[in-house]
Amino acid sequence: MTVPPLTTEERRAALAKAALVRRERAEVREALKRGRLSLGELLAAESDAVRKMPVRALLESLPGVGKARAARLLHELEISESRRVRGLGVQQRERLLERLAPQG
């Protein structure tokens, strides 16, 4: 399948949109890392940019969760490495939240 050629204006608009989405995702990852946003809040109020993020990337943004722990969690919770947030089922979301809920 061939991608149709874009005009200069269409290309600029697409690049601007992509930059905006990358910035939004970076802000979400930073908020998760700093504790300003919980995983539960994120899953409840997800934006289009977040819906297309890999679950692995979100997990790696959480405090105390690196690449190895994120991979182990995905395996234990039977979530595909390539799964995106929008593709999570109800039970997968519940298991993620249950597993990663702050112990209080």
PDB file of N, CA and C in Angstrom:
ATOM      1  N   MET A   1       0.847  -1.168   0.000  1.00  0.00           N
ATOM      2  CA  MET A   1       0.000   0.000   0.000  1.00  0.00           C
ATOM      3  C   MET A   1       0.897   1.237   0.000  1.00  0.00           C
ATOM      4  N   THR A   2       0.627   2.147  -0.893  1.00  0.00           N
ATOM      5  CA  THR A   2       1.407   3.364  -1.036  1.00  0.00           C
ATOM      6  C   THR A   2       0.738   4.503  -0.270  1.00  0.00           C
ATOM      7  N   VAL A   3       1.553   5.241   0.435  1.00  0.00           N
ATOM      8  CA  VAL A   3       1.061   6.396   1.176  1.00  0.00           C
ATOM      9  C   VAL A   3       0.901   7.550   0.200  1.00  0.00           C
ATOM     10  N   PRO A   4      -0.245   8.220   0.220  1.00  0.00           N
ATOM     11  CA  PRO A   4      -0.427   9.340  -0.707  1.00  0.00           C
ATOM     12  C   PRO A   4       0.535  10.481  -0.368  1.00  0.00           C
ATOM     13  N   PRO A   5       1.022  11.178  -1.371  1.00  0.00           N
ATOM     14  CA  PRO A   5       1.937  12.294  -1.098  1.00  0.00           C
ATOM     15  C   PRO A   5       1.202  13.409  -0.352  1.00  0.00           C
ATOM     16  N   LEU A   6       1.932  14.056   0.548  1.00  0.00           N
ATOM     17  CA  LEU A   6       1.357  15.151   1.332  1.00  0.00           C
ATOM     18  C   LEU A   6       1.841  16.488   0.787  1.00  0.00           C
ATOM     19  N   THR A   7       0.986  17.458   0.903  1.00  0.00           N
ATOM     20  CA  THR A   7       1.410  18.815   0.556  1.00  0.00           C
ATOM     21  C   THR A   7       2.297  19.316   1.687  1.00  0.00           C
ATOM     22  N   THR A   8       2.983  20.385   1.432  1.00  0.00           N
ATOM     23  CA  THR A   8       3.863  20.960   2.450  1.00  0.00           C
ATOM     24  C   THR A   8       3.075  21.323   3.702  1.00  0.00           C
ATOM     25  N   GLU A   9       1.889  21.885   3.522  1.00  0.00           N
ATOM     26  CA  GLU A   9       1.063  22.278   4.669  1.00  0.00           C
ATOM     27  C   GLU A   9       0.592  21.054   5.451  1.00  0.00           C
ATOM     28  N   GLU A  10       0.190  20.009   4.738  1.00  0.00           N
ATOM     29  CA  GLU A  10      -0.259  18.782   5.407  1.00  0.00           C
ATOM     30  C   GLU A  10       0.887  18.146   6.188  1.00  0.00           C
ATOM     31  N   ARG A  11       2.068  18.170   5.588  1.00  0.00           N
ATOM     32  CA  ARG A  11       3.241  17.598   6.268  1.00  0.00           C
ATOM     33  C   ARG A  11       3.565  18.386   7.536  1.00  0.00           C
ATOM     34  N   ARG A  12       3.532  19.710   7.442  1.00  0.00           N
ATOM     35  CA  ARG A  12       3.793  20.546   8.623  1.00  0.00           C
ATOM     36  C   ARG A  12       2.761  20.289   9.723  1.00  0.00           C
ATOM     37  N   ALA A  13       1.499  20.175   9.331  1.00  0.00           N
ATOM     38  CA  ALA A  13       0.441  19.912  10.308  1.00  0.00           C
ATOM     39  C   ALA A  13       0.641  18.554  10.976  1.00  0.00           C
ATOM     40  N   ALA A  14       1.017  17.556  10.189  1.00  0.00           N
ATOM     41  CA  ALA A  14       1.240  16.218  10.742  1.00  0.00           C
ATOM     42  C   ALA A  14       2.424  16.226  11.702  1.00  0.00           C
ATOM     43  N   LEU A  15       3.490  16.926  11.343  1.00  0.00           N
ATOM     44  CA  LEU A  15       4.665  17.008  12.220  1.00  0.00           C
ATOM     45  C   LEU A  15       4.328  17.744  13.519  1.00  0.00           C
ATOM     46  N   ALA A  16       3.547  18.802  13.422  1.00  0.00           N
ATOM     47  CA  ALA A  16       3.145  19.555  14.618  1.00  0.00           C
ATOM     48  C   ALA A  16       2.283  18.683  15.523  1.00  0.00           C
ATOM     49  N   LYS A  17       1.355  17.935  14.929  1.00  0.00           N
ATOM     50  CA  LYS A  17       0.493  17.050  15.714  1.00  0.00           C
ATOM     51  C   LYS A  17       1.319  15.969  16.401  1.00  0.00           C
ATOM     52  N   ALA A  18       2.270  15.393  15.700  1.00  0.00           N
ATOM     53  CA  ALA A  18       3.125  14.352  16.275  1.00  0.00           C
ATOM     54  C   ALA A  18       3.943  14.904  17.440  1.00  0.00           C
ATOM     55  N   ALA A  19       4.462  16.118  17.289  1.00  0.00           N
ATOM     56  CA  ALA A  19       5.231  16.745  18.361  1.00  0.00           C
ATOM     57  C   ALA A  19       4.358  16.980  19.588  1.00  0.00           C
ATOM     58  N   LEU A  20       3.131  17.416  19.363  1.00  0.00           N
ATOM     59  CA  LEU A  20       2.197  17.651  20.466  1.00  0.00           C
ATOM     60  C   LEU A  20       1.897  16.353  21.215  1.00  0.00           C
ATOM     61  N   VAL A  21       1.680  15.269  20.492  1.00  0.00           N
ATOM     62  CA  VAL A  21       1.390  13.965  21.103  1.00  0.00           C
ATOM     63  C   VAL A  21       2.601  13.483  21.899  1.00  0.00           C
ATOM     64  N   ARG A  22       3.807  13.620  21.331  1.00  0.00           N
ATOM     65  CA  ARG A  22       5.023  13.211  22.052  1.00  0.00           C
ATOM     66  C   ARG A  22       5.185  14.010  23.339  1.00  0.00           C
ATOM     67  N   ARG A  23       4.892  15.317  23.279  1.00  0.00           N
ATOM     68  CA  ARG A  23       4.999  16.162  24.461  1.00  0.00           C
ATOM     69  C   ARG A  23       3.993  15.726  25.529  1.00  0.00           C
ATOM     70  N   GLU A  24       2.760  15.438  25.096  1.00  0.00           N
ATOM     71  CA  GLU A  24       1.728  15.002  26.044  1.00  0.00           C
ATOM     72  C   GLU A  24       2.134  13.681  26.707  1.00  0.00           C
ATOM     73  N   ARG A  25       2.642  12.754  25.926  1.00  0.00           N
ATOM     74  CA  ARG A  25       3.079  11.469  26.492  1.00  0.00           C
ATOM     75  C   ARG A  25       4.225  11.656  27.471  1.00  0.00           C
ATOM     76  N   ALA A  26       5.163  12.529  27.146  1.00  0.00           N
ATOM     77  CA  ALA A  26       6.284  12.802  28.047  1.00  0.00           C
ATOM     78  C   ALA A  26       5.783  13.408  29.354  1.00  0.00           C
ATOM     79  N   GLU A  27       4.807  14.304  29.269  1.00  0.00           N
ATOM     80  CA  GLU A  27       4.241  14.917  30.476  1.00  0.00           C
ATOM     81  C   GLU A  27       3.542  13.867  31.343  1.00  0.00           C
ATOM     82  N   VAL A  28       2.832  12.946  30.707  1.00  0.00           N
ATOM     83  CA  VAL A  28       2.150  11.880  31.447  1.00  0.00           C
ATOM     84  C   VAL A  28       3.175  10.986  32.142  1.00  0.00           C
ATOM     85  N   ARG A  29       4.225  10.596  31.417  1.00  0.00           N
ATOM     86  CA  ARG A  29       5.263   9.746  32.022  1.00  0.00           C
ATOM     87  C   ARG A  29       5.929  10.451  33.194  1.00  0.00           C
ATOM     88  N   GLU A  30       6.202  11.744  33.044  1.00  0.00           N
ATOM     89  CA  GLU A  30       6.827  12.514  34.117  1.00  0.00           C
ATOM     90  C   GLU A  30       5.896  12.617  35.327  1.00  0.00           C
ATOM     91  N   ALA A  31       4.606  12.857  35.097  1.00  0.00           N
ATOM     92  CA  ALA A  31       3.635  12.947  36.195  1.00  0.00           C
ATOM     93  C   ALA A  31       3.541  11.614  36.933  1.00  0.00           C
ATOM     94  N   LEU A  32       3.568  10.505  36.214  1.00  0.00           N
ATOM     95  CA  LEU A  32       3.561   9.185  36.858  1.00  0.00           C
ATOM     96  C   LEU A  32       4.822   9.007  37.691  1.00  0.00           C
ATOM     97  N   LYS A  33       5.952   9.361  37.116  1.00  0.00           N
ATOM     98  CA  LYS A  33       7.240   9.196  37.790  1.00  0.00           C
ATOM     99  C   LYS A  33       7.308  10.014  39.080  1.00  0.00           C
ATOM    100  N   ARG A  34       6.772  11.221  39.037  1.00  0.00           N
ATOM    101  CA  ARG A  34       6.818  12.128  40.198  1.00  0.00           C
ATOM    102  C   ARG A  34       5.689  11.882  41.188  1.00  0.00           C
ATOM    103  N   GLY A  35       4.732  11.023  40.838  1.00  0.00           N
ATOM    104  CA  GLY A  35       3.630  10.727  41.747  1.00  0.00           C
ATOM    105  C   GLY A  35       2.501  11.736  41.691  1.00  0.00           C
ATOM    106  N   ARG A  36       2.525  12.642  40.730  1.00  0.00           N
ATOM    107  CA  ARG A  36       1.446  13.623  40.585  1.00  0.00           C
ATOM    108  C   ARG A  36       0.214  13.010  39.933  1.00  0.00           C
ATOM    109  N   LEU A  37       0.376  11.840  39.340  1.00  0.00           N
ATOM    110  CA  LEU A  37      -0.704  11.146  38.654  1.00  0.00           C
ATOM    111  C   LEU A  37      -0.579   9.661  38.981  1.00  0.00           C
ATOM    112  N   SER A  38      -1.693   9.044  39.351  1.00  0.00           N
ATOM    113  CA  SER A  38      -1.660   7.609  39.642  1.00  0.00           C
ATOM    114  C   SER A  38      -2.070   6.835  38.394  1.00  0.00           C
ATOM    115  N   LEU A  39      -1.730   5.567  38.385  1.00  0.00           N
ATOM    116  CA  LEU A  39      -2.109   4.720  37.265  1.00  0.00           C
ATOM    117  C   LEU A  39      -3.626   4.646  37.141  1.00  0.00           C
ATOM    118  N   GLY A  40      -4.321   4.593  38.268  1.00  0.00           N
ATOM    119  CA  GLY A  40      -5.780   4.563  38.262  1.00  0.00           C
ATOM    120  C   GLY A  40      -6.375   5.809  37.638  1.00  0.00           C
ATOM    121  N   GLU A  41      -5.831   6.969  37.993  1.00  0.00           N
ATOM    122  CA  GLU A  41      -6.309   8.224  37.411  1.00  0.00           C
ATOM    123  C   GLU A  41      -6.053   8.246  35.910  1.00  0.00           C
ATOM    124  N   LEU A  42      -4.910   7.767  35.518  1.00  0.00           N
ATOM    125  CA  LEU A  42      -4.558   7.750  34.106  1.00  0.00           C
ATOM    126  C   LEU A  42      -5.491   6.856  33.301  1.00  0.00           C
ATOM    127  N   LEU A  43      -5.757   5.670  33.821  1.00  0.00           N
ATOM    128  CA  LEU A  43      -6.623   4.735  33.101  1.00  0.00           C
ATOM    129  C   LEU A  43      -8.069   5.223  33.061  1.00  0.00           C
ATOM    130  N   ALA A  44      -8.478   5.981  34.070  1.00  0.00           N
ATOM    131  CA  ALA A  44      -9.851   6.487  34.113  1.00  0.00           C
ATOM    132  C   ALA A  44     -10.061   7.658  33.166  1.00  0.00           C
ATOM    133  N   ALA A  45      -9.035   8.454  32.963  1.00  0.00           N
ATOM    134  CA  ALA A  45      -9.185   9.670  32.151  1.00  0.00           C
ATOM    135  C   ALA A  45      -8.152   9.696  31.041  1.00  0.00           C
ATOM    136  N   GLU A  46      -8.138   8.673  30.246  1.00  0.00           N
ATOM    137  CA  GLU A  46      -7.098   8.585  29.219  1.00  0.00           C
ATOM    138  C   GLU A  46      -7.420   9.437  27.994  1.00  0.00           C
ATOM    139  N   SER A  47      -6.395  10.055  27.466  1.00  0.00           N
ATOM    140  CA  SER A  47      -6.530  10.856  26.244  1.00  0.00           C
ATOM    141  C   SER A  47      -6.170   9.983  25.045  1.00  0.00           C
ATOM    142  N   ASP A  48      -6.377  10.496  23.865  1.00  0.00           N
ATOM    143  CA  ASP A  48      -6.026   9.741  22.662  1.00  0.00           C
ATOM    144  C   ASP A  48      -4.537   9.420  22.635  1.00  0.00           C
ATOM    145  N   ALA A  49      -3.714  10.371  23.064  1.00  0.00           N
ATOM    146  CA  ALA A  49      -2.264  10.140  23.070  1.00  0.00           C
ATOM    147  C   ALA A  49      -1.904   9.000  24.012  1.00  0.00           C
ATOM    148  N   VAL A  50      -2.526   8.970  25.171  1.00  0.00           N
ATOM    149  CA  VAL A  50      -2.234   7.924  26.155  1.00  0.00           C
ATOM    150  C   VAL A  50      -2.797   6.590  25.694  1.00  0.00           C
ATOM    151  N   ARG A  51      -3.956   6.595  25.079  1.00  0.00           N
ATOM    152  CA  ARG A  51      -4.576   5.340  24.630  1.00  0.00           C
ATOM    153  C   ARG A  51      -3.677   4.586  23.660  1.00  0.00           C
ATOM    154  N   LYS A  52      -2.848   5.285  22.921  1.00  0.00           N
ATOM    155  CA  LYS A  52      -1.986   4.644  21.934  1.00  0.00           C
ATOM    156  C   LYS A  52      -0.609   4.284  22.480  1.00  0.00           C
ATOM    157  N   MET A  53      -0.353   4.601  23.749  1.00  0.00           N
ATOM    158  CA  MET A  53       0.934   4.267  24.364  1.00  0.00           C
ATOM    159  C   MET A  53       1.006   2.788  24.710  1.00  0.00           C
ATOM    160  N   PRO A  54       2.173   2.191  24.579  1.00  0.00           N
ATOM    161  CA  PRO A  54       2.332   0.821  25.050  1.00  0.00           C
ATOM    162  C   PRO A  54       2.202   0.766  26.578  1.00  0.00           C
ATOM    163  N   VAL A  55       1.552  -0.260  27.078  1.00  0.00           N
ATOM    164  CA  VAL A  55       1.384  -0.423  28.527  1.00  0.00           C
ATOM    165  C   VAL A  55       2.760  -0.508  29.180  1.00  0.00           C
ATOM    166  N   ARG A  56       3.690  -1.173  28.516  1.00  0.00           N
ATOM    167  CA  ARG A  56       5.047  -1.318  29.036  1.00  0.00           C
ATOM    168  C   ARG A  56       5.662   0.058  29.327  1.00  0.00           C
ATOM    169  N   ALA A  57       5.487   1.030  28.431  1.00  0.00           N
ATOM    170  CA  ALA A  57       6.050   2.370  28.623  1.00  0.00           C
ATOM    171  C   ALA A  57       5.438   3.051  29.846  1.00  0.00           C
ATOM    172  N   LEU A  58       4.143   2.858  30.057  1.00  0.00           N
ATOM    173  CA  LEU A  58       3.501   3.439  31.244  1.00  0.00           C
ATOM    174  C   LEU A  58       4.041   2.801  32.519  1.00  0.00           C
ATOM    175  N   LEU A  59       4.161   1.480  32.512  1.00  0.00           N
ATOM    176  CA  LEU A  59       4.668   0.787  33.695  1.00  0.00           C
ATOM    177  C   LEU A  59       6.080   1.239  34.030  1.00  0.00           C
ATOM    178  N   GLU A  60       6.916   1.395  33.001  1.00  0.00           N
ATOM    179  CA  GLU A  60       8.299   1.819  33.224  1.00  0.00           C
ATOM    180  C   GLU A  60       8.374   3.236  33.774  1.00  0.00           C
ATOM    181  N   SER A  61       7.317   4.010  33.623  1.00  0.00           N
ATOM    182  CA  SER A  61       7.285   5.379  34.135  1.00  0.00           C
ATOM    183  C   SER A  61       6.926   5.439  35.619  1.00  0.00           C
ATOM    184  N   LEU A  62       6.401   4.351  36.157  1.00  0.00           N
ATOM    185  CA  LEU A  62       6.023   4.332  37.564  1.00  0.00           C
ATOM    186  C   LEU A  62       7.260   4.243  38.452  1.00  0.00           C
ATOM    187  N   PRO A  63       7.224   4.895  39.614  1.00  0.00           N
ATOM    188  CA  PRO A  63       8.357   4.813  40.537  1.00  0.00           C
ATOM    189  C   PRO A  63       8.607   3.355  40.942  1.00  0.00           C
ATOM    190  N   GLY A  64       9.856   2.944  40.885  1.00  0.00           N
ATOM    191  CA  GLY A  64      10.218   1.600  41.307  1.00  0.00           C
ATOM    192  C   GLY A  64       9.984   0.520  40.268  1.00  0.00           C
ATOM    193  N   VAL A  65       9.554   0.907  39.081  1.00  0.00           N
ATOM    194  CA  VAL A  65       9.318  -0.067  38.019  1.00  0.00           C
ATOM    195  C   VAL A  65      10.232   0.276  36.847  1.00  0.00           C
ATOM    196  N   GLY A  66      11.178  -0.607  36.598  1.00  0.00           N
ATOM    197  CA  GLY A  66      12.078  -0.432  35.457  1.00  0.00           C
ATOM    198  C   GLY A  66      11.701  -1.394  34.349  1.00  0.00           C
ATOM    199  N   LYS A  67      12.605  -1.573  33.409  1.00  0.00           N
ATOM    200  CA  LYS A  67      12.329  -2.437  32.265  1.00  0.00           C
ATOM    201  C   LYS A  67      12.099  -3.881  32.685  1.00  0.00           C
ATOM    202  N   ALA A  68      12.923  -4.382  33.590  1.00  0.00           N
ATOM    203  CA  ALA A  68      12.815  -5.786  34.007  1.00  0.00           C
ATOM    204  C   ALA A  68      11.514  -6.038  34.770  1.00  0.00           C
ATOM    205  N   ARG A  69      11.196  -5.168  35.726  1.00  0.00           N
ATOM    206  CA  ARG A  69       9.971  -5.370  36.505  1.00  0.00           C
ATOM    207  C   ARG A  69       8.728  -5.193  35.631  1.00  0.00           C
ATOM    208  N   ALA A  70       8.773  -4.239  34.702  1.00  0.00           N
ATOM    209  CA  ALA A  70       7.638  -4.037  33.801  1.00  0.00           C
ATOM    210  C   ALA A  70       7.416  -5.288  32.953  1.00  0.00           C
ATOM    211  N   ALA A  71       8.496  -5.858  32.432  1.00  0.00           N
ATOM    212  CA  ALA A  71       8.380  -7.075  31.618  1.00  0.00           C
ATOM    213  C   ALA A  71       7.829  -8.228  32.450  1.00  0.00           C
ATOM    214  N   ARG A  72       8.299  -8.345  33.696  1.00  0.00           N
ATOM    215  CA  ARG A  72       7.820  -9.415  34.582  1.00  0.00           C
ATOM    216  C   ARG A  72       6.339  -9.236  34.903  1.00  0.00           C
ATOM    217  N   LEU A  73       5.919  -8.004  35.181  1.00  0.00           N
ATOM    218  CA  LEU A  73       4.508  -7.730  35.466  1.00  0.00           C
ATOM    219  C   LEU A  73       3.623  -8.070  34.278  1.00  0.00           C
ATOM    220  N   LEU A  74       4.044  -7.668  33.093  1.00  0.00           N
ATOM    221  CA  LEU A  74       3.263  -7.975  31.899  1.00  0.00           C
ATOM    222  C   LEU A  74       3.117  -9.479  31.729  1.00  0.00           C
ATOM    223  N   HIS A  75       4.206 -10.201  31.954  1.00  0.00           N
ATOM    224  CA  HIS A  75       4.159 -11.662  31.820  1.00  0.00           C
ATOM    225  C   HIS A  75       3.235 -12.277  32.874  1.00  0.00           C
ATOM    226  N   GLU A  76       3.394 -11.860  34.131  1.00  0.00           N
ATOM    227  CA  GLU A  76       2.588 -12.416  35.223  1.00  0.00           C
ATOM    228  C   GLU A  76       1.103 -12.099  35.058  1.00  0.00           C
ATOM    229  N   LEU A  77       0.791 -10.934  34.515  1.00  0.00           N
ATOM    230  CA  LEU A  77      -0.606 -10.515  34.359  1.00  0.00           C
ATOM    231  C   LEU A  77      -1.176 -10.904  32.992  1.00  0.00           C
ATOM    232  N   GLU A  78      -0.366 -11.642  32.234  1.00  0.00           N
ATOM    233  CA  GLU A  78      -0.772 -12.137  30.915  1.00  0.00           C
ATOM    234  C   GLU A  78      -1.220 -10.999  29.989  1.00  0.00           C
ATOM    235  N   ILE A  79      -0.373  -9.976  29.929  1.00  0.00           N
ATOM    236  CA  ILE A  79      -0.590  -8.847  29.034  1.00  0.00           C
ATOM    237  C   ILE A  79       0.545  -8.869  28.021  1.00  0.00           C
ATOM    238  N   SER A  80       0.196  -8.807  26.761  1.00  0.00           N
ATOM    239  CA  SER A  80       1.184  -8.851  25.684  1.00  0.00           C
ATOM    240  C   SER A  80       2.161  -7.683  25.795  1.00  0.00           C
ATOM    241  N   GLU A  81       3.424  -7.941  25.460  1.00  0.00           N
ATOM    242  CA  GLU A  81       4.453  -6.893  25.466  1.00  0.00           C
ATOM    243  C   GLU A  81       4.078  -5.739  24.544  1.00  0.00           C
ATOM    244  N   SER A  82       3.343  -6.028  23.491  1.00  0.00           N
ATOM    245  CA  SER A  82       3.002  -4.999  22.509  1.00  0.00           C
ATOM    246  C   SER A  82       1.637  -4.353  22.757  1.00  0.00           C
ATOM    247  N   ARG A  83       0.974  -4.728  23.840  1.00  0.00           N
ATOM    248  CA  ARG A  83      -0.376  -4.209  24.124  1.00  0.00           C
ATOM    249  C   ARG A  83      -0.327  -2.709  24.374  1.00  0.00           C
ATOM    250  N   ARG A  84      -1.272  -2.024  23.802  1.00  0.00           N
ATOM    251  CA  ARG A  84      -1.422  -0.586  24.024  1.00  0.00           C
ATOM    252  C   ARG A  84      -2.507  -0.375  25.072  1.00  0.00           C
ATOM    253  N   VAL A  85      -2.536   0.788  25.684  1.00  0.00           N
ATOM    254  CA  VAL A  85      -3.490   1.083  26.751  1.00  0.00           C
ATOM    255  C   VAL A  85      -4.920   0.857  26.272  1.00  0.00           C
ATOM    256  N   ARG A  86      -5.237   1.294  25.064  1.00  0.00           N
ATOM    257  CA  ARG A  86      -6.606   1.151  24.557  1.00  0.00           C
ATOM    258  C   ARG A  86      -7.008  -0.307  24.389  1.00  0.00           C
ATOM    259  N   GLY A  87      -6.050  -1.206  24.290  1.00  0.00           N
ATOM    260  CA  GLY A  87      -6.336  -2.615  24.077  1.00  0.00           C
ATOM    261  C   GLY A  87      -6.473  -3.422  25.355  1.00  0.00           C
ATOM    262  N   LEU A  88      -6.311  -2.770  26.510  1.00  0.00           N
ATOM    263  CA  LEU A  88      -6.455  -3.481  27.779  1.00  0.00           C
ATOM    264  C   LEU A  88      -7.913  -3.823  28.039  1.00  0.00           C
ATOM    265  N   GLY A  89      -8.156  -5.051  28.448  1.00  0.00           N
ATOM    266  CA  GLY A  89      -9.497  -5.453  28.831  1.00  0.00           C
ATOM    267  C   GLY A  89      -9.807  -5.019  30.251  1.00  0.00           C
ATOM    268  N   VAL A  90     -11.042  -5.132  30.632  1.00  0.00           N
ATOM    269  CA  VAL A  90     -11.476  -4.724  31.970  1.00  0.00           C
ATOM    270  C   VAL A  90     -10.715  -5.495  33.043  1.00  0.00           C
ATOM    271  N   GLN A  91     -10.610  -6.806  32.873  1.00  0.00           N
ATOM    272  CA  GLN A  91      -9.914  -7.620  33.877  1.00  0.00           C
ATOM    273  C   GLN A  91      -8.427  -7.302  33.916  1.00  0.00           C
ATOM    274  N   GLN A  92      -7.823  -7.032  32.769  1.00  0.00           N
ATOM    275  CA  GLN A  92      -6.409  -6.672  32.751  1.00  0.00           C
ATOM    276  C   GLN A  92      -6.184  -5.360  33.493  1.00  0.00           C
ATOM    277  N   ARG A  93      -7.067  -4.400  33.292  1.00  0.00           N
ATOM    278  CA  ARG A  93      -6.961  -3.129  34.013  1.00  0.00           C
ATOM    279  C   ARG A  93      -7.085  -3.352  35.517  1.00  0.00           C
ATOM    280  N   GLU A  94      -8.068  -4.160  35.903  1.00  0.00           N
ATOM    281  CA  GLU A  94      -8.281  -4.429  37.328  1.00  0.00           C
ATOM    282  C   GLU A  94      -7.064  -5.103  37.944  1.00  0.00           C
ATOM    283  N   ARG A  95      -6.501  -6.083  37.249  1.00  0.00           N
ATOM    284  CA  ARG A  95      -5.314  -6.777  37.776  1.00  0.00           C
ATOM    285  C   ARG A  95      -4.121  -5.834  37.882  1.00  0.00           C
ATOM    286  N   LEU A  96      -3.950  -4.970  36.896  1.00  0.00           N
ATOM    287  CA  LEU A  96      -2.862  -3.989  36.941  1.00  0.00           C
ATOM    288  C   LEU A  96      -3.023  -3.075  38.144  1.00  0.00           C
ATOM    289  N   LEU A  97      -4.224  -2.531  38.325  1.00  0.00           N
ATOM    290  CA  LEU A  97      -4.457  -1.622  39.430  1.00  0.00           C
ATOM    291  C   LEU A  97      -4.317  -2.308  40.777  1.00  0.00           C
ATOM    292  N   GLU A  98      -4.814  -3.533  40.865  1.00  0.00           N
ATOM    293  CA  GLU A  98      -4.700  -4.302  42.107  1.00  0.00           C
ATOM    294  C   GLU A  98      -3.239  -4.550  42.450  1.00  0.00           C
ATOM    295  N   ARG A  99      -2.464  -4.901  41.454  1.00  0.00           N
ATOM    296  CA  ARG A  99      -1.053  -5.228  41.657  1.00  0.00           C
ATOM    297  C   ARG A  99      -0.211  -4.004  41.998  1.00  0.00           C
ATOM    298  N   LEU A 100      -0.573  -2.855  41.397  1.00  0.00           N
ATOM    299  CA  LEU A 100       0.260  -1.665  41.549  1.00  0.00           C
ATOM    300  C   LEU A 100      -0.335  -0.608  42.470  1.00  0.00           C
ATOM    301  N   ALA A 101      -1.428  -0.960  43.163  1.00  0.00           N
ATOM    302  CA  ALA A 101      -2.038  -0.008  44.108  1.00  0.00           C
ATOM    303  C   ALA A 101      -1.071   0.249  45.257  1.00  0.00           C
ATOM    304  N   PRO A 102      -0.963   1.497  45.690  1.00  0.00           N
ATOM    305  CA  PRO A 102      -0.079   1.801  46.826  1.00  0.00           C
ATOM    306  C   PRO A 102      -0.528   1.041  48.062  1.00  0.00           C
ATOM    307  N   GLN A 103       0.415   0.468  48.727  1.00  0.00           N
ATOM    308  CA  GLN A 103       0.122  -0.284  49.959  1.00  0.00           C
ATOM    309  C   GLN A 103      -0.036   0.711  51.100  1.00  0.00           C
ATOM    310  N   GLY A 104      -1.218   0.805  51.656  1.00  0.00           N
ATOM    311  CA  GLY A 104      -1.446   1.813  52.698  1.00  0.00           C
ATOM    312  C   GLY A 104      -1.918   1.203  53.904  1.00  0.00           C
TER     313      GLY A 104
END
